[in-house]
Amino acid sequence: MALKVERLEKENGFLTKKIKQLEAKQGNIHIAQASKVSPSAANAAKAQAKEAVGIKKMKKEVNQYIKEIEKCIEWVKEV
């Protein structure tokens, strides 16, 4: 059980890092496109991208907590 938890934690860390990289890349593309239009639009795009990343991160964390709680409940039922 402990090995499985450790493996899942490592996999979760790797996937979280990969998601952050992809979100940053996506945000940079959006900001670059907005910069061509106007500087104020670029600033708004930066703020919007930062907020979107924060929301996605929170949703992911909440979903992960829910999964962990469900696993704990199943584990308690088995014991």
C-alpha atoms as a PDB file:
ATOM      1  CA  MET A   1       0.000   0.000   0.000  1.00  0.00           C
ATOM      2  CA  ALA A   2       2.795   2.410   0.923  1.00  0.00           C
ATOM      3  CA  LEU A   3       4.611   1.664  -2.341  1.00  0.00           C
ATOM      4  CA  LYS A   4       1.456   2.351  -4.299  1.00  0.00           C
ATOM      5  CA  VAL A   5       0.966   5.681  -2.502  1.00  0.00           C
ATOM      6  CA  GLU A   6       4.578   6.613  -3.173  1.00  0.00           C
ATOM      7  CA  ARG A   7       4.245   5.716  -6.854  1.00  0.00           C
ATOM      8  CA  LEU A   8       1.032   7.711  -7.163  1.00  0.00           C
ATOM      9  CA  GLU A   9       2.607  10.721  -5.458  1.00  0.00           C
ATOM     10  CA  LYS A  10       5.535  10.641  -7.874  1.00  0.00           C
ATOM     11  CA  GLU A  11       3.226  10.273 -10.851  1.00  0.00           C
ATOM     12  CA  ASN A  12       1.029  13.092  -9.567  1.00  0.00           C
ATOM     13  CA  GLY A  13       4.069  15.361  -9.172  1.00  0.00           C
ATOM     14  CA  PHE A  14       5.252  14.592 -12.690  1.00  0.00           C
ATOM     15  CA  LEU A  15       1.816  15.194 -14.207  1.00  0.00           C
ATOM     16  CA  THR A  16       1.329  18.401 -12.223  1.00  0.00           C
ATOM     17  CA  LYS A  17       4.651  19.706 -13.510  1.00  0.00           C
ATOM     18  CA  LYS A  18       3.696  18.779 -17.075  1.00  0.00           C
ATOM     19  CA  ILE A  19       0.328  20.556 -16.754  1.00  0.00           C
ATOM     20  CA  LYS A  20       2.010  23.717 -15.466  1.00  0.00           C
ATOM     21  CA  GLN A  21       4.413  23.670 -18.405  1.00  0.00           C
ATOM     22  CA  LEU A  22       1.563  23.287 -20.897  1.00  0.00           C
ATOM     23  CA  GLU A  23      -0.520  26.000 -19.232  1.00  0.00           C
ATOM     24  CA  ALA A  24       2.443  28.382 -19.255  1.00  0.00           C
ATOM     25  CA  LYS A  25       3.055  27.675 -22.920  1.00  0.00           C
ATOM     26  CA  GLN A  26      -0.611  28.245 -23.728  1.00  0.00           C
ATOM     27  CA  GLY A  27      -0.640  31.486 -21.718  1.00  0.00           C
ATOM     28  CA  ASN A  28       2.487  32.757 -23.464  1.00  0.00           C
ATOM     29  CA  ILE A  29       0.930  32.177 -26.886  1.00  0.00           C
ATOM     30  CA  HIS A  30      -2.216  34.050 -25.850  1.00  0.00           C
ATOM     31  CA  ILE A  31      -0.180  36.939 -24.419  1.00  0.00           C
ATOM     32  CA  ALA A  32       1.964  37.157 -27.558  1.00  0.00           C
ATOM     33  CA  GLN A  33      -1.139  37.395 -29.716  1.00  0.00           C
ATOM     34  CA  ALA A  34      -2.634  40.077 -27.464  1.00  0.00           C
ATOM     35  CA  SER A  35       0.614  42.065 -27.513  1.00  0.00           C
ATOM     36  CA  LYS A  36       0.234  42.516 -31.241  1.00  0.00           C
ATOM     37  CA  VAL A  37      -3.149  44.165 -30.708  1.00  0.00           C
ATOM     38  CA  SER A  38      -2.267  46.621 -27.924  1.00  0.00           C
ATOM     39  CA  PRO A  39      -0.199  46.859 -24.745  1.00  0.00           C
ATOM     40  CA  SER A  40      -3.264  47.243 -22.521  1.00  0.00           C
ATOM     41  CA  ALA A  41      -4.779  44.128 -24.062  1.00  0.00           C
ATOM     42  CA  ALA A  42      -1.535  42.302 -23.345  1.00  0.00           C
ATOM     43  CA  ASN A  43      -1.686  43.312 -19.672  1.00  0.00           C
ATOM     44  CA  ALA A  44      -5.294  42.178 -19.458  1.00  0.00           C
ATOM     45  CA  ALA A  45      -4.376  38.894 -21.127  1.00  0.00           C
ATOM     46  CA  LYS A  46      -1.539  38.341 -18.635  1.00  0.00           C
ATOM     47  CA  ALA A  47      -3.876  38.908 -15.701  1.00  0.00           C
ATOM     48  CA  GLN A  48      -6.532  36.673 -17.205  1.00  0.00           C
ATOM     49  CA  ALA A  49      -4.028  33.894 -17.940  1.00  0.00           C
ATOM     50  CA  LYS A  50      -2.670  34.066 -14.387  1.00  0.00           C
ATOM     51  CA  GLU A  51      -6.173  33.855 -12.942  1.00  0.00           C
ATOM     52  CA  ALA A  52      -7.084  30.928 -15.200  1.00  0.00           C
ATOM     53  CA  VAL A  53      -3.980  29.021 -14.135  1.00  0.00           C
ATOM     54  CA  GLY A  54      -4.840  29.608 -10.484  1.00  0.00           C
ATOM     55  CA  ILE A  55      -8.389  28.370 -10.964  1.00  0.00           C
ATOM     56  CA  LYS A  56      -7.237  25.274 -12.841  1.00  0.00           C
ATOM     57  CA  LYS A  57      -4.682  24.557 -10.140  1.00  0.00           C
ATOM     58  CA  MET A  58      -7.284  24.843  -7.380  1.00  0.00           C
ATOM     59  CA  LYS A  59      -9.720  22.596  -9.258  1.00  0.00           C
ATOM     60  CA  LYS A  60      -7.013  20.001  -9.765  1.00  0.00           C
ATOM     61  CA  GLU A  61      -6.049  20.113  -6.080  1.00  0.00           C
ATOM     62  CA  VAL A  62      -9.665  19.749  -4.974  1.00  0.00           C
ATOM     63  CA  ASN A  63     -10.180  16.813  -7.340  1.00  0.00           C
ATOM     64  CA  GLN A  64      -7.025  15.159  -6.030  1.00  0.00           C
ATOM     65  CA  TYR A  65      -8.182  15.615  -2.427  1.00  0.00           C
ATOM     66  CA  ILE A  66     -11.539  14.068  -3.307  1.00  0.00           C
ATOM     67  CA  LYS A  67      -9.811  11.059  -4.867  1.00  0.00           C
ATOM     68  CA  GLU A  68      -7.600  10.636  -1.810  1.00  0.00           C
ATOM     69  CA  ILE A  69     -10.604  10.847   0.513  1.00  0.00           C
ATOM     70  CA  GLU A  70     -12.441   8.250  -1.579  1.00  0.00           C
ATOM     71  CA  LYS A  71      -9.410   5.945  -1.380  1.00  0.00           C
ATOM     72  CA  CYS A  72      -9.296   6.377   2.395  1.00  0.00           C
ATOM     73  CA  ILE A  73     -12.993   5.556   2.676  1.00  0.00           C
ATOM     74  CA  GLU A  74     -12.514   2.410   0.600  1.00  0.00           C
ATOM     75  CA  TRP A  75      -9.494   1.463   2.688  1.00  0.00           C
ATOM     76  CA  VAL A  76     -11.469   1.915   5.923  1.00  0.00           C
ATOM     77  CA  LYS A  77     -14.323  -0.212   4.525  1.00  0.00           C
ATOM     78  CA  GLU A  78     -11.860  -3.010   3.763  1.00  0.00           C
ATOM     79  CA  VAL A  79     -10.386  -2.944   7.256  1.00  0.00           C
END
